[in-house]
Amino acid sequence: MWETRVDCMQVVRATPDDMEMIVHVVNADVMYKDIIPAEHYKEPFLTSDELKRYLQEMNLTFFLCREGASVTGVGALIVREDGDGQLGWIFVLPERQRRGVGTALVAEIESRARERGISRMILETDGGAYWAKSFYAKLGYREYRRTDLPWGHKVWMEKDLSSP
């Protein structure tokens, strides 16, 4: 089993039995609701059917951060057709944010990407998500592109995994 431990946290690869928990954690983190205009924001942010469709359509592996019996965060590694890895779906329960959960998830996902021979990780986030941009920058990601959205822009960030 793939796992990374940080104190009492354990990051593990998700199984099909974990899909409802992934949906729960994604929908519990409502920070994007404050920056995406109401006409573009949907609730729930992610449904079980959408998650199933993403899993079928994309080369996507989810990871969970467990603290005891609780799942406190989720994240995914997407292996893109161009050979890059994409960090996606990093969500942490509001009461567990700023406690190392997101950092542990990203570290595990980057480790799994390196094992697959992936040397470049990318990610996308909303341009208004200042907390996300700051978090990823602290982990070594840098902005390399912006694309327009109806309410602002999407920020693309990258990190070279070939150097330690």
N, C-alpha and C. Protein backbone atom coordinates (compact mmCIF):
# COMPACT_ATOMS: atom_id res chain seq x y z
N MET A 1 0.86 -1.18 0.00
CA MET A 1 0.00 0.00 0.00
C MET A 1 0.90 1.23 0.00
N TRP A 2 0.54 2.22 -0.82
CA TRP A 2 1.28 3.49 -0.84
C TRP A 2 0.82 4.32 0.33
N GLU A 3 1.77 4.89 1.05
CA GLU A 3 1.36 5.77 2.14
C GLU A 3 2.51 6.67 2.58
N THR A 4 2.14 7.80 3.10
CA THR A 4 3.07 8.73 3.72
C THR A 4 2.49 9.10 5.07
N ARG A 5 3.34 9.13 6.11
CA ARG A 5 2.87 9.52 7.44
C ARG A 5 3.48 10.86 7.83
N VAL A 6 2.67 11.72 8.38
CA VAL A 6 3.11 12.98 8.97
C VAL A 6 2.44 13.03 10.33
N ASP A 7 3.23 12.89 11.40
CA ASP A 7 2.68 12.78 12.75
C ASP A 7 1.65 11.65 12.76
N CYS A 8 0.40 11.97 13.11
CA CYS A 8 -0.63 10.93 13.16
C CYS A 8 -1.43 10.86 11.86
N MET A 9 -0.99 11.58 10.84
CA MET A 9 -1.67 11.54 9.54
C MET A 9 -1.12 10.39 8.71
N GLN A 10 -1.98 9.82 7.91
CA GLN A 10 -1.58 8.76 7.00
C GLN A 10 -2.23 9.05 5.65
N VAL A 11 -1.42 9.15 4.60
CA VAL A 11 -1.94 9.37 3.26
C VAL A 11 -1.92 8.04 2.53
N VAL A 12 -3.08 7.62 2.05
CA VAL A 12 -3.22 6.32 1.39
C VAL A 12 -3.96 6.48 0.07
N ARG A 13 -3.73 5.53 -0.80
CA ARG A 13 -4.45 5.50 -2.06
C ARG A 13 -5.92 5.15 -1.78
N ALA A 14 -6.82 5.89 -2.41
CA ALA A 14 -8.25 5.65 -2.22
C ALA A 14 -8.67 4.37 -2.94
N THR A 15 -9.71 3.75 -2.42
CA THR A 15 -10.31 2.57 -3.03
C THR A 15 -11.72 2.94 -3.51
N PRO A 16 -12.35 2.08 -4.28
CA PRO A 16 -13.74 2.37 -4.70
C PRO A 16 -14.68 2.61 -3.52
N ASP A 17 -14.40 1.99 -2.38
CA ASP A 17 -15.24 2.20 -1.20
C ASP A 17 -15.13 3.61 -0.62
N ASP A 18 -14.11 4.36 -1.04
CA ASP A 18 -13.87 5.70 -0.50
C ASP A 18 -14.53 6.82 -1.30
N MET A 19 -15.22 6.49 -2.38
CA MET A 19 -15.73 7.53 -3.28
C MET A 19 -16.70 8.49 -2.60
N GLU A 20 -17.57 8.00 -1.76
CA GLU A 20 -18.52 8.89 -1.08
C GLU A 20 -17.79 9.83 -0.11
N MET A 21 -16.73 9.35 0.51
CA MET A 21 -15.95 10.20 1.41
C MET A 21 -15.24 11.30 0.62
N ILE A 22 -14.75 10.97 -0.57
CA ILE A 22 -14.11 11.99 -1.42
C ILE A 22 -15.12 13.09 -1.74
N VAL A 23 -16.31 12.69 -2.15
CA VAL A 23 -17.36 13.67 -2.47
C VAL A 23 -17.67 14.52 -1.24
N HIS A 24 -17.75 13.90 -0.08
CA HIS A 24 -18.04 14.63 1.16
C HIS A 24 -16.98 15.70 1.44
N VAL A 25 -15.70 15.32 1.38
CA VAL A 25 -14.63 16.27 1.69
C VAL A 25 -14.60 17.41 0.68
N VAL A 26 -14.75 17.09 -0.60
CA VAL A 26 -14.76 18.14 -1.63
C VAL A 26 -15.88 19.13 -1.36
N ASN A 27 -17.06 18.64 -1.05
CA ASN A 27 -18.21 19.52 -0.84
C ASN A 27 -18.18 20.25 0.50
N ALA A 28 -17.40 19.77 1.46
CA ALA A 28 -17.30 20.44 2.76
C ALA A 28 -16.43 21.69 2.69
N ASP A 29 -15.50 21.72 1.74
CA ASP A 29 -14.60 22.87 1.58
C ASP A 29 -15.28 23.88 0.67
N VAL A 30 -15.82 24.94 1.26
CA VAL A 30 -16.65 25.90 0.51
C VAL A 30 -15.92 27.21 0.20
N MET A 31 -14.60 27.23 0.27
CA MET A 31 -13.88 28.49 0.07
C MET A 31 -14.10 29.06 -1.33
N TYR A 32 -14.27 28.21 -2.33
CA TYR A 32 -14.47 28.71 -3.69
C TYR A 32 -15.81 29.40 -3.86
N LYS A 33 -16.74 29.11 -2.99
CA LYS A 33 -18.05 29.75 -3.06
C LYS A 33 -17.94 31.27 -2.92
N ASP A 34 -16.93 31.74 -2.22
CA ASP A 34 -16.73 33.17 -2.01
C ASP A 34 -16.11 33.88 -3.21
N ILE A 35 -15.52 33.14 -4.14
CA ILE A 35 -14.86 33.80 -5.27
C ILE A 35 -15.50 33.49 -6.62
N ILE A 36 -16.31 32.45 -6.69
CA ILE A 36 -17.00 32.13 -7.94
C ILE A 36 -18.40 32.73 -7.86
N PRO A 37 -18.76 33.58 -8.81
CA PRO A 37 -20.10 34.20 -8.77
C PRO A 37 -21.20 33.14 -8.72
N ALA A 38 -22.28 33.47 -8.04
CA ALA A 38 -23.39 32.53 -7.82
C ALA A 38 -23.89 31.90 -9.11
N GLU A 39 -23.92 32.67 -10.19
CA GLU A 39 -24.44 32.12 -11.45
C GLU A 39 -23.51 31.06 -12.07
N HIS A 40 -22.27 30.97 -11.57
CA HIS A 40 -21.33 29.97 -12.08
C HIS A 40 -20.99 28.89 -11.06
N TYR A 41 -21.40 29.10 -9.82
CA TYR A 41 -21.09 28.14 -8.76
C TYR A 41 -22.25 27.17 -8.63
N LYS A 42 -21.94 25.90 -8.50
CA LYS A 42 -23.01 24.92 -8.33
C LYS A 42 -22.82 24.15 -7.03
N GLU A 43 -23.94 23.81 -6.44
CA GLU A 43 -23.92 22.98 -5.23
C GLU A 43 -24.77 21.75 -5.49
N PRO A 44 -24.28 20.59 -5.16
CA PRO A 44 -22.95 20.37 -4.62
C PRO A 44 -21.87 20.63 -5.67
N PHE A 45 -20.68 20.95 -5.22
CA PHE A 45 -19.55 21.22 -6.09
C PHE A 45 -19.20 19.98 -6.90
N LEU A 46 -19.34 18.80 -6.29
CA LEU A 46 -19.05 17.52 -6.93
C LEU A 46 -20.10 16.51 -6.51
N THR A 47 -20.66 15.79 -7.48
CA THR A 47 -21.61 14.72 -7.17
C THR A 47 -20.92 13.37 -7.35
N SER A 48 -21.53 12.34 -6.81
CA SER A 48 -20.99 10.98 -6.96
C SER A 48 -20.95 10.59 -8.43
N ASP A 49 -21.98 10.94 -9.18
CA ASP A 49 -22.01 10.60 -10.61
C ASP A 49 -20.89 11.31 -11.37
N GLU A 50 -20.63 12.57 -11.03
CA GLU A 50 -19.53 13.29 -11.68
C GLU A 50 -18.19 12.64 -11.36
N LEU A 51 -17.99 12.27 -10.11
CA LEU A 51 -16.75 11.62 -9.72
C LEU A 51 -16.57 10.31 -10.48
N LYS A 52 -17.61 9.51 -10.59
CA LYS A 52 -17.54 8.25 -11.34
C LYS A 52 -17.16 8.51 -12.79
N ARG A 53 -17.75 9.55 -13.38
CA ARG A 53 -17.45 9.88 -14.78
C ARG A 53 -15.99 10.30 -14.92
N TYR A 54 -15.50 11.15 -14.01
CA TYR A 54 -14.09 11.56 -14.07
C TYR A 54 -13.16 10.36 -13.96
N LEU A 55 -13.47 9.44 -13.07
CA LEU A 55 -12.64 8.26 -12.90
C LEU A 55 -12.62 7.39 -14.15
N GLN A 56 -13.72 7.36 -14.89
CA GLN A 56 -13.78 6.58 -16.12
C GLN A 56 -13.07 7.28 -17.27
N GLU A 57 -13.14 8.61 -17.31
CA GLU A 57 -12.63 9.37 -18.45
C GLU A 57 -11.16 9.77 -18.33
N MET A 58 -10.64 9.81 -17.12
CA MET A 58 -9.28 10.32 -16.92
C MET A 58 -8.41 9.27 -16.25
N ASN A 59 -7.10 9.39 -16.48
CA ASN A 59 -6.14 8.54 -15.79
C ASN A 59 -5.88 9.19 -14.43
N LEU A 60 -6.74 8.88 -13.47
CA LEU A 60 -6.87 9.61 -12.22
C LEU A 60 -6.76 8.65 -11.04
N THR A 61 -5.90 8.99 -10.08
CA THR A 61 -5.76 8.21 -8.85
C THR A 61 -5.98 9.14 -7.67
N PHE A 62 -6.93 8.82 -6.82
CA PHE A 62 -7.21 9.63 -5.63
C PHE A 62 -6.45 9.10 -4.43
N PHE A 63 -6.12 10.04 -3.54
CA PHE A 63 -5.47 9.74 -2.27
C PHE A 63 -6.27 10.39 -1.16
N LEU A 64 -6.23 9.78 0.02
CA LEU A 64 -6.92 10.29 1.19
C LEU A 64 -5.91 10.55 2.29
N CYS A 65 -6.15 11.58 3.07
CA CYS A 65 -5.40 11.78 4.30
C CYS A 65 -6.31 11.33 5.43
N ARG A 66 -5.84 10.35 6.17
CA ARG A 66 -6.60 9.83 7.31
C ARG A 66 -5.92 10.28 8.60
N GLU A 67 -6.74 10.68 9.54
CA GLU A 67 -6.27 10.98 10.89
C GLU A 67 -7.15 10.14 11.80
N GLY A 68 -6.59 9.04 12.28
CA GLY A 68 -7.40 8.09 13.01
C GLY A 68 -8.42 7.48 12.06
N ALA A 69 -9.67 7.48 12.46
CA ALA A 69 -10.74 6.92 11.62
C ALA A 69 -11.32 7.94 10.65
N SER A 70 -10.87 9.19 10.73
CA SER A 70 -11.45 10.26 9.91
C SER A 70 -10.63 10.53 8.66
N VAL A 71 -11.32 10.82 7.56
CA VAL A 71 -10.68 11.31 6.34
C VAL A 71 -10.75 12.83 6.41
N THR A 72 -9.58 13.48 6.39
CA THR A 72 -9.53 14.93 6.57
C THR A 72 -9.15 15.68 5.31
N GLY A 73 -8.70 14.96 4.28
CA GLY A 73 -8.33 15.62 3.03
C GLY A 73 -8.27 14.62 1.90
N VAL A 74 -8.38 15.14 0.68
CA VAL A 74 -8.30 14.30 -0.52
C VAL A 74 -7.47 15.03 -1.57
N GLY A 75 -6.94 14.27 -2.49
CA GLY A 75 -6.20 14.84 -3.61
C GLY A 75 -6.03 13.79 -4.68
N ALA A 76 -5.66 14.22 -5.88
CA ALA A 76 -5.55 13.28 -6.98
C ALA A 76 -4.31 13.54 -7.82
N LEU A 77 -3.82 12.46 -8.41
CA LEU A 77 -2.78 12.51 -9.43
C LEU A 77 -3.46 12.15 -10.75
N ILE A 78 -3.34 13.05 -11.69
CA ILE A 78 -3.85 12.82 -13.04
C ILE A 78 -2.63 12.66 -13.94
N VAL A 79 -2.53 11.55 -14.66
CA VAL A 79 -1.45 11.35 -15.61
C VAL A 79 -1.98 11.78 -16.97
N ARG A 80 -1.40 12.84 -17.48
CA ARG A 80 -1.87 13.44 -18.73
C ARG A 80 -1.28 12.72 -19.94
N GLU A 81 -1.94 12.87 -21.08
CA GLU A 81 -1.47 12.24 -22.31
C GLU A 81 -0.10 12.75 -22.74
N ASP A 82 0.23 14.00 -22.37
CA ASP A 82 1.53 14.56 -22.74
C ASP A 82 2.67 14.10 -21.82
N GLY A 83 2.36 13.25 -20.84
CA GLY A 83 3.37 12.73 -19.93
C GLY A 83 3.54 13.51 -18.65
N ASP A 84 2.95 14.69 -18.58
CA ASP A 84 3.00 15.47 -17.34
C ASP A 84 2.05 14.86 -16.32
N GLY A 85 2.33 15.13 -15.07
CA GLY A 85 1.39 14.81 -14.01
C GLY A 85 0.61 16.06 -13.66
N GLN A 86 -0.62 15.89 -13.28
CA GLN A 86 -1.42 17.04 -12.84
C GLN A 86 -1.93 16.79 -11.44
N LEU A 87 -1.67 17.75 -10.57
CA LEU A 87 -2.16 17.72 -9.21
C LEU A 87 -3.59 18.24 -9.25
N GLY A 88 -4.50 17.48 -8.69
CA GLY A 88 -5.89 17.91 -8.76
C GLY A 88 -6.68 17.55 -7.52
N TRP A 89 -7.80 18.23 -7.38
CA TRP A 89 -8.79 17.91 -6.36
C TRP A 89 -8.20 17.91 -4.95
N ILE A 90 -7.32 18.86 -4.65
CA ILE A 90 -6.78 18.97 -3.29
C ILE A 90 -7.80 19.73 -2.45
N PHE A 91 -8.46 19.01 -1.57
CA PHE A 91 -9.46 19.59 -0.68
C PHE A 91 -9.23 19.07 0.73
N VAL A 92 -9.36 19.95 1.70
CA VAL A 92 -9.15 19.62 3.11
C VAL A 92 -10.36 20.11 3.89
N LEU A 93 -10.82 19.29 4.83
CA LEU A 93 -11.94 19.73 5.67
C LEU A 93 -11.59 21.07 6.32
N PRO A 94 -12.53 22.00 6.37
CA PRO A 94 -12.24 23.33 6.92
C PRO A 94 -11.58 23.31 8.30
N GLU A 95 -12.02 22.44 9.18
CA GLU A 95 -11.47 22.41 10.53
C GLU A 95 -10.06 21.81 10.60
N ARG A 96 -9.57 21.24 9.50
CA ARG A 96 -8.23 20.65 9.47
C ARG A 96 -7.27 21.42 8.57
N GLN A 97 -7.72 22.54 8.00
CA GLN A 97 -6.85 23.33 7.14
C GLN A 97 -5.75 23.98 7.97
N ARG A 98 -4.60 24.18 7.31
CA ARG A 98 -3.42 24.82 7.92
C ARG A 98 -2.82 23.96 9.04
N ARG A 99 -2.96 22.64 8.87
CA ARG A 99 -2.39 21.71 9.86
C ARG A 99 -1.54 20.62 9.19
N GLY A 100 -1.14 20.84 7.95
CA GLY A 100 -0.26 19.91 7.27
C GLY A 100 -0.94 18.86 6.42
N VAL A 101 -2.26 18.85 6.39
CA VAL A 101 -2.98 17.83 5.61
C VAL A 101 -2.71 18.00 4.12
N GLY A 102 -2.88 19.21 3.61
CA GLY A 102 -2.65 19.47 2.18
C GLY A 102 -1.20 19.20 1.80
N THR A 103 -0.28 19.61 2.64
CA THR A 103 1.14 19.38 2.37
C THR A 103 1.45 17.89 2.30
N ALA A 104 0.88 17.11 3.21
CA ALA A 104 1.09 15.66 3.20
C ALA A 104 0.52 15.04 1.93
N LEU A 105 -0.66 15.48 1.52
CA LEU A 105 -1.26 14.97 0.29
C LEU A 105 -0.39 15.27 -0.93
N VAL A 106 0.05 16.52 -1.05
CA VAL A 106 0.87 16.91 -2.20
C VAL A 106 2.19 16.12 -2.20
N ALA A 107 2.81 15.95 -1.05
CA ALA A 107 4.07 15.20 -0.97
C ALA A 107 3.88 13.77 -1.46
N GLU A 108 2.80 13.13 -1.05
CA GLU A 108 2.54 11.75 -1.47
C GLU A 108 2.26 11.68 -2.97
N ILE A 109 1.46 12.60 -3.47
CA ILE A 109 1.14 12.60 -4.90
C ILE A 109 2.39 12.85 -5.73
N GLU A 110 3.24 13.78 -5.31
CA GLU A 110 4.49 14.02 -6.04
C GLU A 110 5.39 12.78 -5.98
N SER A 111 5.44 12.10 -4.86
CA SER A 111 6.24 10.88 -4.74
C SER A 111 5.75 9.81 -5.70
N ARG A 112 4.44 9.62 -5.78
CA ARG A 112 3.88 8.63 -6.71
C ARG A 112 4.16 9.03 -8.16
N ALA A 113 4.12 10.33 -8.45
CA ALA A 113 4.42 10.80 -9.80
C ALA A 113 5.87 10.49 -10.17
N ARG A 114 6.79 10.75 -9.25
CA ARG A 114 8.20 10.44 -9.51
C ARG A 114 8.39 8.94 -9.77
N GLU A 115 7.70 8.10 -9.00
CA GLU A 115 7.80 6.65 -9.20
C GLU A 115 7.35 6.25 -10.60
N ARG A 116 6.44 7.01 -11.18
CA ARG A 116 5.95 6.73 -12.53
C ARG A 116 6.83 7.38 -13.60
N GLY A 117 7.89 8.03 -13.19
CA GLY A 117 8.79 8.67 -14.15
C GLY A 117 8.33 10.04 -14.61
N ILE A 118 7.39 10.62 -13.91
CA ILE A 118 6.89 11.95 -14.26
C ILE A 118 7.86 12.99 -13.72
N SER A 119 8.30 13.90 -14.59
CA SER A 119 9.28 14.91 -14.16
C SER A 119 8.68 16.30 -14.03
N ARG A 120 7.46 16.48 -14.49
CA ARG A 120 6.83 17.81 -14.39
C ARG A 120 5.40 17.65 -13.89
N MET A 121 5.09 18.41 -12.84
CA MET A 121 3.72 18.45 -12.32
C MET A 121 3.13 19.81 -12.64
N ILE A 122 1.86 19.81 -13.01
CA ILE A 122 1.15 21.06 -13.23
C ILE A 122 -0.12 21.03 -12.37
N LEU A 123 -0.73 22.19 -12.23
CA LEU A 123 -2.01 22.28 -11.55
C LEU A 123 -2.71 23.52 -12.04
N GLU A 124 -4.00 23.57 -11.80
CA GLU A 124 -4.78 24.77 -12.12
C GLU A 124 -5.59 25.15 -10.90
N THR A 125 -5.76 26.45 -10.72
CA THR A 125 -6.60 26.95 -9.64
C THR A 125 -7.23 28.26 -10.09
N ASP A 126 -8.26 28.66 -9.42
CA ASP A 126 -8.92 29.92 -9.72
C ASP A 126 -7.99 31.08 -9.37
N GLY A 127 -7.93 32.08 -10.24
CA GLY A 127 -7.07 33.23 -10.00
C GLY A 127 -7.39 33.97 -8.72
N GLY A 128 -8.63 33.89 -8.26
CA GLY A 128 -9.02 34.55 -7.02
C GLY A 128 -8.71 33.75 -5.77
N ALA A 129 -8.23 32.54 -5.94
CA ALA A 129 -7.93 31.67 -4.80
C ALA A 129 -6.52 31.97 -4.29
N TYR A 130 -6.37 33.14 -3.68
CA TYR A 130 -5.05 33.59 -3.21
C TYR A 130 -4.43 32.58 -2.24
N TRP A 131 -5.26 31.92 -1.41
CA TRP A 131 -4.75 30.94 -0.45
C TRP A 131 -4.15 29.74 -1.16
N ALA A 132 -4.78 29.31 -2.26
CA ALA A 132 -4.28 28.16 -3.01
C ALA A 132 -2.97 28.52 -3.72
N LYS A 133 -2.93 29.68 -4.36
CA LYS A 133 -1.71 30.10 -5.06
C LYS A 133 -0.54 30.21 -4.07
N SER A 134 -0.79 30.76 -2.91
CA SER A 134 0.26 30.90 -1.89
C SER A 134 0.72 29.53 -1.39
N PHE A 135 -0.23 28.63 -1.13
CA PHE A 135 0.08 27.28 -0.66
C PHE A 135 0.98 26.56 -1.67
N TYR A 136 0.58 26.57 -2.94
CA TYR A 136 1.36 25.86 -3.95
C TYR A 136 2.72 26.51 -4.18
N ALA A 137 2.79 27.83 -4.12
CA ALA A 137 4.08 28.52 -4.27
C ALA A 137 5.05 28.09 -3.16
N LYS A 138 4.55 27.94 -1.94
CA LYS A 138 5.40 27.50 -0.83
C LYS A 138 5.92 26.09 -1.04
N LEU A 139 5.21 25.31 -1.85
CA LEU A 139 5.62 23.93 -2.15
C LEU A 139 6.46 23.84 -3.42
N GLY A 140 6.84 25.01 -3.98
CA GLY A 140 7.74 25.02 -5.14
C GLY A 140 7.08 25.18 -6.49
N TYR A 141 5.79 25.41 -6.53
CA TYR A 141 5.10 25.61 -7.81
C TYR A 141 5.20 27.07 -8.22
N ARG A 142 5.29 27.30 -9.53
CA ARG A 142 5.33 28.67 -10.04
C ARG A 142 4.30 28.83 -11.16
N GLU A 143 3.74 30.01 -11.23
CA GLU A 143 2.74 30.30 -12.26
C GLU A 143 3.42 30.36 -13.63
N TYR A 144 2.79 29.73 -14.63
CA TYR A 144 3.34 29.80 -15.97
C TYR A 144 2.30 30.20 -17.02
N ARG A 145 1.03 30.24 -16.65
CA ARG A 145 0.01 30.59 -17.64
C ARG A 145 -1.27 31.00 -16.94
N ARG A 146 -2.05 31.82 -17.63
CA ARG A 146 -3.40 32.19 -17.18
C ARG A 146 -4.35 31.99 -18.34
N THR A 147 -5.55 31.52 -18.02
CA THR A 147 -6.60 31.42 -19.02
C THR A 147 -7.84 32.11 -18.47
N ASP A 148 -8.60 32.71 -19.37
CA ASP A 148 -9.77 33.47 -18.96
C ASP A 148 -10.92 32.58 -18.52
N LEU A 149 -11.64 33.06 -17.53
CA LEU A 149 -12.89 32.47 -17.05
C LEU A 149 -13.96 33.56 -17.15
N PRO A 150 -15.23 33.19 -17.14
CA PRO A 150 -16.27 34.22 -17.20
C PRO A 150 -16.19 35.23 -16.04
N TRP A 151 -15.59 34.87 -14.91
CA TRP A 151 -15.52 35.75 -13.74
C TRP A 151 -14.09 36.18 -13.39
N GLY A 152 -13.13 35.87 -14.20
CA GLY A 152 -11.74 36.20 -13.87
C GLY A 152 -10.80 35.36 -14.70
N HIS A 153 -9.92 34.65 -14.03
CA HIS A 153 -8.98 33.81 -14.76
C HIS A 153 -8.59 32.58 -13.94
N LYS A 154 -8.10 31.60 -14.67
CA LYS A 154 -7.56 30.38 -14.08
C LYS A 154 -6.04 30.51 -14.12
N VAL A 155 -5.39 30.13 -13.04
CA VAL A 155 -3.93 30.18 -12.96
C VAL A 155 -3.41 28.76 -13.11
N TRP A 156 -2.42 28.59 -13.98
CA TRP A 156 -1.74 27.31 -14.15
C TRP A 156 -0.37 27.44 -13.51
N MET A 157 0.00 26.44 -12.72
CA MET A 157 1.29 26.44 -12.03
C MET A 157 2.01 25.14 -12.36
N GLU A 158 3.34 25.15 -12.24
CA GLU A 158 4.14 23.97 -12.56
C GLU A 158 5.27 23.80 -11.57
N LYS A 159 5.77 22.56 -11.52
CA LYS A 159 6.91 22.24 -10.66
C LYS A 159 7.73 21.16 -11.34
N ASP A 160 9.03 21.35 -11.35
CA ASP A 160 9.96 20.36 -11.89
C ASP A 160 10.22 19.31 -10.81
N LEU A 161 9.86 18.07 -11.08
CA LEU A 161 10.08 17.00 -10.10
C LEU A 161 11.41 16.28 -10.29
N SER A 162 12.17 16.65 -11.34
CA SER A 162 13.40 15.92 -11.62
C SER A 162 14.53 16.29 -10.66
N SER A 163 14.42 17.44 -9.99
CA SER A 163 15.44 17.80 -9.01
C SER A 163 14.82 17.72 -7.61
N PRO A 164 15.61 17.31 -6.61
CA PRO A 164 15.06 17.11 -5.26
C PRO A 164 14.56 18.38 -4.59
